[in-house]
Protein backbone atom coordinates (compact mmCIF):
# COMPACT_ATOMS: atom_id res chain seq x y z
CA MET A 1 -65.27 26.10 -205.83
CA THR A 2 -67.74 26.93 -203.05
CA PRO A 3 -66.09 27.35 -199.73
CA ALA A 4 -67.09 25.26 -196.79
CA PRO A 5 -70.07 26.68 -194.75
CA SER A 6 -69.63 28.00 -191.07
CA TYR A 7 -69.32 25.24 -188.42
CA VAL A 8 -73.16 24.33 -187.51
CA PRO A 9 -74.03 25.21 -184.08
CA PRO A 10 -75.37 22.49 -181.60
CA HIS A 11 -79.07 21.95 -181.31
CA GLY A 12 -79.14 19.35 -178.24
CA LEU A 13 -79.86 16.51 -180.45
CA LEU A 14 -78.34 13.94 -178.41
CA LYS A 15 -79.16 15.37 -175.08
CA GLY A 16 -78.61 12.86 -172.14
CA LYS A 17 -77.30 10.03 -174.65
CA SER A 18 -74.13 8.05 -174.31
CA VAL A 19 -72.19 7.50 -177.38
CA LEU A 20 -69.56 4.89 -178.31
CA VAL A 21 -67.43 5.72 -181.42
CA THR A 22 -64.85 3.30 -182.94
CA ALA A 23 -61.66 4.82 -184.68
CA ALA A 24 -62.29 8.17 -183.24
CA ALA A 25 -58.60 9.17 -182.47
CA GLY A 26 -57.02 11.98 -184.82
CA ALA A 27 -58.80 14.43 -187.19
CA GLY A 28 -61.03 12.30 -189.15
CA ILE A 29 -64.82 11.67 -189.29
CA GLY A 30 -64.77 9.55 -185.84
CA PHE A 31 -63.30 12.31 -183.99
CA SER A 32 -65.68 14.69 -185.47
CA ALA A 33 -68.79 12.56 -184.66
CA ALA A 34 -67.47 12.13 -181.13
CA LYS A 35 -67.11 15.99 -180.79
CA ARG A 36 -70.30 16.70 -182.41
CA ALA A 37 -72.02 13.98 -179.93
CA ALA A 38 -70.46 16.08 -176.88
CA GLU A 39 -71.63 19.26 -178.38
CA GLU A 40 -75.02 17.89 -178.90
CA GLY A 41 -75.67 17.12 -175.15
CA ALA A 42 -74.36 13.98 -175.04
CA ARG A 43 -73.97 12.81 -171.22
CA ALA A 44 -70.86 10.69 -172.06
CA VAL A 45 -68.79 9.69 -174.98
CA PHE A 46 -66.44 6.56 -175.27
CA ILE A 47 -63.86 6.62 -178.00
CA SER A 48 -61.66 3.71 -179.26
CA ASP A 49 -58.75 3.61 -181.66
CA ILE A 50 -55.53 1.34 -182.10
CA HIS A 51 -53.15 4.31 -181.49
CA GLU A 52 -52.45 4.76 -177.93
CA LYS A 53 -50.96 8.15 -177.90
CA ARG A 54 -53.38 9.57 -180.47
CA LEU A 55 -56.29 8.14 -178.58
CA ALA A 56 -55.12 10.09 -175.32
CA ALA A 57 -54.49 13.08 -177.21
CA ALA A 58 -58.20 12.75 -178.52
CA VAL A 59 -59.64 12.42 -175.21
CA ASP A 60 -58.03 15.54 -173.83
CA LYS A 61 -58.88 17.51 -176.78
CA LEU A 62 -62.42 16.43 -176.72
CA LYS A 63 -62.76 17.60 -173.00
CA ALA A 64 -61.07 20.80 -173.78
CA GLU A 65 -62.92 21.82 -176.76
CA THR A 66 -66.46 20.49 -175.74
CA GLY A 67 -66.23 20.80 -172.04
CA LEU A 68 -67.53 17.45 -171.46
CA GLN A 69 -65.69 15.73 -168.78
CA GLN A 70 -67.41 12.16 -169.17
CA VAL A 71 -65.04 11.21 -172.08
CA TYR A 72 -63.76 7.47 -171.74
CA SER A 73 -61.44 5.59 -174.00
CA LEU A 74 -59.80 2.12 -174.47
CA LEU A 75 -57.60 0.82 -177.27
CA CYS A 76 -59.39 -1.68 -179.58
CA ASP A 77 -58.47 -3.60 -182.89
CA VAL A 78 -61.79 -4.05 -184.21
CA THR A 79 -60.70 -7.27 -185.98
CA LYS A 80 -60.10 -9.09 -182.89
CA GLU A 81 -63.18 -10.54 -181.11
CA ASP A 82 -61.77 -10.42 -177.48
CA GLN A 83 -61.08 -6.68 -177.76
CA VAL A 84 -64.40 -6.01 -179.37
CA GLN A 85 -65.96 -7.56 -176.37
CA ALA A 86 -63.90 -5.86 -173.90
CA LEU A 87 -64.54 -2.49 -175.39
CA VAL A 88 -68.40 -2.88 -175.37
CA ALA A 89 -68.16 -4.10 -171.83
CA ALA A 90 -66.10 -1.05 -170.87
CA ALA A 91 -68.50 1.51 -172.55
CA GLU A 92 -71.54 -0.30 -170.66
CA GLU A 93 -69.78 0.02 -167.59
CA LYS A 94 -68.35 3.51 -167.88
CA MET A 95 -71.46 5.00 -169.14
CA GLY A 96 -74.13 3.10 -167.43
CA GLY A 97 -75.46 1.79 -170.55
CA THR A 98 -74.47 2.59 -174.46
CA ASP A 99 -77.50 4.44 -176.27
CA VAL A 100 -75.35 4.98 -179.58
CA LEU A 101 -72.89 3.01 -181.38
CA ILE A 102 -71.07 4.79 -184.25
CA ASN A 103 -69.21 2.15 -186.32
CA ASN A 104 -66.28 4.32 -187.85
CA ALA A 105 -63.33 1.87 -188.17
CA GLY A 106 -62.20 1.51 -191.96
CA LEU A 107 -59.31 0.79 -194.14
CA GLY A 108 -58.65 1.88 -197.82
CA GLY A 109 -55.93 1.63 -200.18
CA GLN A 110 -55.20 1.80 -203.80
CA LYS A 111 -54.26 -1.24 -205.82
CA ARG A 112 -55.73 -2.94 -209.05
CA VAL A 113 -57.18 -6.11 -208.73
CA VAL A 114 -54.50 -8.23 -211.06
CA ASP A 115 -52.05 -6.71 -208.67
CA MET A 116 -53.78 -7.20 -205.35
CA SER A 117 -52.39 -9.80 -202.93
CA ASP A 118 -55.00 -12.08 -200.62
CA ASP A 119 -53.57 -10.35 -197.52
CA GLU A 120 -54.25 -6.84 -199.00
CA TRP A 121 -57.71 -7.95 -199.97
CA PHE A 122 -58.41 -9.65 -196.72
CA LYS A 123 -57.34 -6.80 -194.39
CA VAL A 124 -59.17 -4.33 -195.89
CA ILE A 125 -62.54 -6.41 -195.72
CA ASP A 126 -61.63 -7.33 -192.08
CA VAL A 127 -61.33 -3.81 -190.87
CA SER A 128 -64.07 -2.29 -193.19
CA LEU A 129 -66.40 -4.82 -193.04
CA HIS A 130 -65.96 -7.44 -190.50
CA SER A 131 -65.40 -5.13 -187.65
CA VAL A 132 -68.80 -3.61 -188.22
CA PHE A 133 -70.27 -7.22 -187.89
CA ARG A 134 -68.45 -7.78 -184.76
CA MET A 135 -69.24 -4.31 -183.16
CA THR A 136 -73.00 -4.73 -184.34
CA ARG A 137 -73.30 -8.14 -182.96
CA ALA A 138 -71.71 -7.36 -179.41
CA MET A 139 -73.86 -4.10 -179.36
CA LEU A 140 -76.94 -5.61 -180.30
CA ARG A 141 -76.62 -8.21 -177.49
CA VAL A 142 -76.92 -5.53 -174.89
CA MET A 143 -79.19 -3.05 -176.71
CA GLN A 144 -81.83 -5.47 -177.77
CA PRO A 145 -82.66 -6.72 -174.09
CA ARG A 146 -83.07 -3.02 -173.23
CA GLY A 147 -85.43 -2.42 -176.05
CA ARG A 148 -83.64 0.63 -177.41
CA GLY A 149 -80.40 1.95 -179.04
CA VAL A 150 -78.99 3.22 -182.27
CA ILE A 151 -76.11 2.04 -184.35
CA VAL A 152 -74.86 4.22 -187.08
CA ASN A 153 -72.24 2.96 -189.91
CA ASN A 154 -69.84 4.49 -191.66
CA ALA A 155 -69.93 3.38 -195.62
CA SER A 156 -69.40 4.83 -198.58
CA VAL A 157 -70.58 6.20 -202.05
CA LEU A 158 -68.09 3.37 -203.45
CA GLY A 159 -70.66 0.93 -202.20
CA TRP A 160 -72.78 1.99 -204.96
CA ARG A 161 -70.28 3.48 -207.61
CA ALA A 162 -67.03 2.00 -209.45
CA GLN A 163 -63.69 3.15 -209.06
CA LYS A 164 -60.43 1.81 -210.34
CA GLU A 165 -58.04 0.37 -207.73
CA GLN A 166 -60.74 0.28 -205.01
CA ALA A 167 -62.21 -3.11 -205.26
CA HIS A 168 -61.26 -4.18 -202.10
CA TYR A 169 -62.74 -1.07 -200.35
CA ALA A 170 -65.63 -0.75 -202.47
CA ALA A 171 -66.62 -4.69 -201.84
CA ALA A 172 -66.29 -4.09 -198.15
CA LYS A 173 -68.54 -0.82 -197.94
CA ALA A 174 -71.13 -2.42 -200.06
CA GLY A 175 -71.15 -4.97 -197.58
CA VAL A 176 -71.54 -2.68 -194.85
CA MET A 177 -74.77 -1.34 -196.72
CA ALA A 178 -76.08 -4.68 -196.90
CA LEU A 179 -75.38 -5.68 -193.16
CA THR A 180 -76.80 -2.40 -192.22
CA ARG A 181 -80.23 -3.19 -194.12
CA CYS A 182 -80.36 -6.54 -192.95
CA SER A 183 -79.44 -6.19 -189.26
CA ALA A 184 -81.92 -3.38 -189.21
CA LEU A 185 -84.64 -5.64 -190.03
CA GLU A 186 -83.69 -8.00 -187.22
CA ALA A 187 -83.10 -5.30 -184.73
CA ALA A 188 -86.23 -3.40 -185.42
CA GLU A 189 -88.48 -5.82 -183.30
CA TYR A 190 -86.59 -5.09 -180.25
CA GLY A 191 -86.79 -1.15 -180.78
CA VAL A 192 -83.11 -0.78 -181.90
CA ARG A 193 -82.47 1.08 -185.21
CA ILE A 194 -79.36 1.00 -187.52
CA ASN A 195 -78.75 3.05 -190.39
CA ALA A 196 -75.35 4.28 -192.36
CA VAL A 197 -73.90 7.32 -194.09
CA ALA A 198 -72.10 6.93 -197.34
CA PRO A 199 -69.71 9.94 -197.97
CA SER A 200 -68.17 10.53 -200.90
CA ILE A 201 -64.85 12.37 -200.00
CA ALA A 202 -64.09 14.02 -196.67
CA LEU A 203 -60.67 15.40 -196.44
CA HIS A 204 -58.42 14.90 -193.36
CA GLU A 205 -54.81 13.78 -192.62
CA PHE A 206 -55.70 10.01 -192.56
CA LEU A 207 -57.07 10.24 -196.19
CA LYS A 208 -54.16 12.14 -197.47
CA LYS A 209 -51.82 9.25 -196.14
CA ALA A 210 -54.03 6.62 -197.74
CA ALA A 211 -54.57 8.19 -201.29
CA SER A 212 -52.55 9.93 -203.81
CA ALA A 213 -52.90 14.03 -204.04
CA GLU A 214 -53.63 13.52 -207.54
CA LEU A 215 -56.62 11.03 -206.90
CA LEU A 216 -58.21 13.26 -204.12
CA ASP A 217 -57.75 16.43 -206.22
CA ARG A 218 -59.59 14.72 -209.11
CA LEU A 219 -62.47 13.33 -207.06
CA ALA A 220 -63.02 16.56 -204.99
CA GLY A 221 -63.18 18.26 -208.31
CA THR A 222 -66.17 16.10 -209.48
CA GLU A 223 -68.37 17.18 -206.50
CA ALA A 224 -70.72 19.77 -207.23
CA PHE A 225 -69.50 22.27 -204.58
CA GLY A 226 -65.83 21.66 -206.14
CA ARG A 227 -64.58 20.64 -202.82
CA ALA A 228 -64.32 17.68 -200.50
CA ALA A 229 -66.52 17.53 -197.31
CA GLU A 230 -65.31 18.56 -194.08
CA PRO A 231 -65.36 15.67 -191.68
CA TRP A 232 -67.74 17.51 -189.41
CA GLU A 233 -70.24 17.69 -192.45
CA VAL A 234 -70.25 13.83 -192.53
CA ALA A 235 -70.47 13.79 -188.80
CA ASN A 236 -73.61 16.18 -188.71
CA THR A 237 -75.46 13.31 -190.84
CA MET A 238 -74.16 10.68 -188.37
CA ILE A 239 -75.76 12.82 -185.53
CA PHE A 240 -79.09 13.06 -186.82
CA LEU A 241 -79.16 9.23 -187.54
CA ALA A 242 -78.26 8.88 -183.88
CA SER A 243 -80.92 11.47 -182.79
CA ASP A 244 -84.59 10.81 -182.06
CA TYR A 245 -85.45 13.37 -185.29
CA SER A 246 -84.76 9.94 -187.42
CA SER A 247 -86.97 7.94 -185.20
CA TYR A 248 -88.73 6.47 -188.34
CA MET A 249 -85.59 5.41 -190.26
CA THR A 250 -84.01 2.09 -190.13
CA GLY A 251 -82.07 0.23 -192.60
CA GLU A 252 -81.41 3.23 -194.64
CA ILE A 253 -78.23 4.56 -196.24
CA ILE A 254 -77.77 8.33 -196.50
CA SER A 255 -75.40 9.45 -199.16
CA VAL A 256 -73.39 12.52 -197.98
CA SER A 257 -72.11 13.55 -201.29
CA SER A 258 -72.69 16.33 -203.96
CA GLN A 259 -71.78 14.11 -206.86
CA HIS A 260 -74.43 12.97 -209.16
CA PRO A 261 -73.12 10.80 -211.73
């Protein structure tokens, strides 16, 4: 197994930008993206989640670890349209406009199609796909009139690849990819860019609770480096897509993976 590289130092990629990240409380990709945004010079970062205590702790941790004091938060269930509207409005007000939205909310699980209930199917689709639609729609309504803005979605390599017991999650993430491409074409004429990352496996505490240790070990073993990605390695690609370095990219899906079938 090739060990993870040293944490990459910041380069000011988001200097002066304001960034909103969904599902950013805790130790996953969302928190890593918020932290990287602050480290890369963002003037303000706004995070949301459905866990009140964990969200408050994430704000304190971001301020302590990055030195950025303009860190804001709001509880938000991204499956509820009224809460999505409230989140976007609060971010606009607190940050004086939102330059970057990172749609990170998602929900997984393991279940064969033959054993899957309607409720299990719809819940994963709602959190992992419908939330991206709701957030994108709300944010485009404020970004497009300004003639600028960037949206970065978190998809998955399962949007391309097949895996047992992942039909609901794979279908949702394939939908995120299609939504990214189609909405990007519509937003381009207003100067707004929309792209996505598609990670294979990034190991963090939330994922350990959602999948079996046997499955995670097997998936990590198929990667070229023999390990799962660190959450910040996925966040680095998100930050690239959020930055002006990717100014000619829209409607693209970048695989953050070392697995090549």
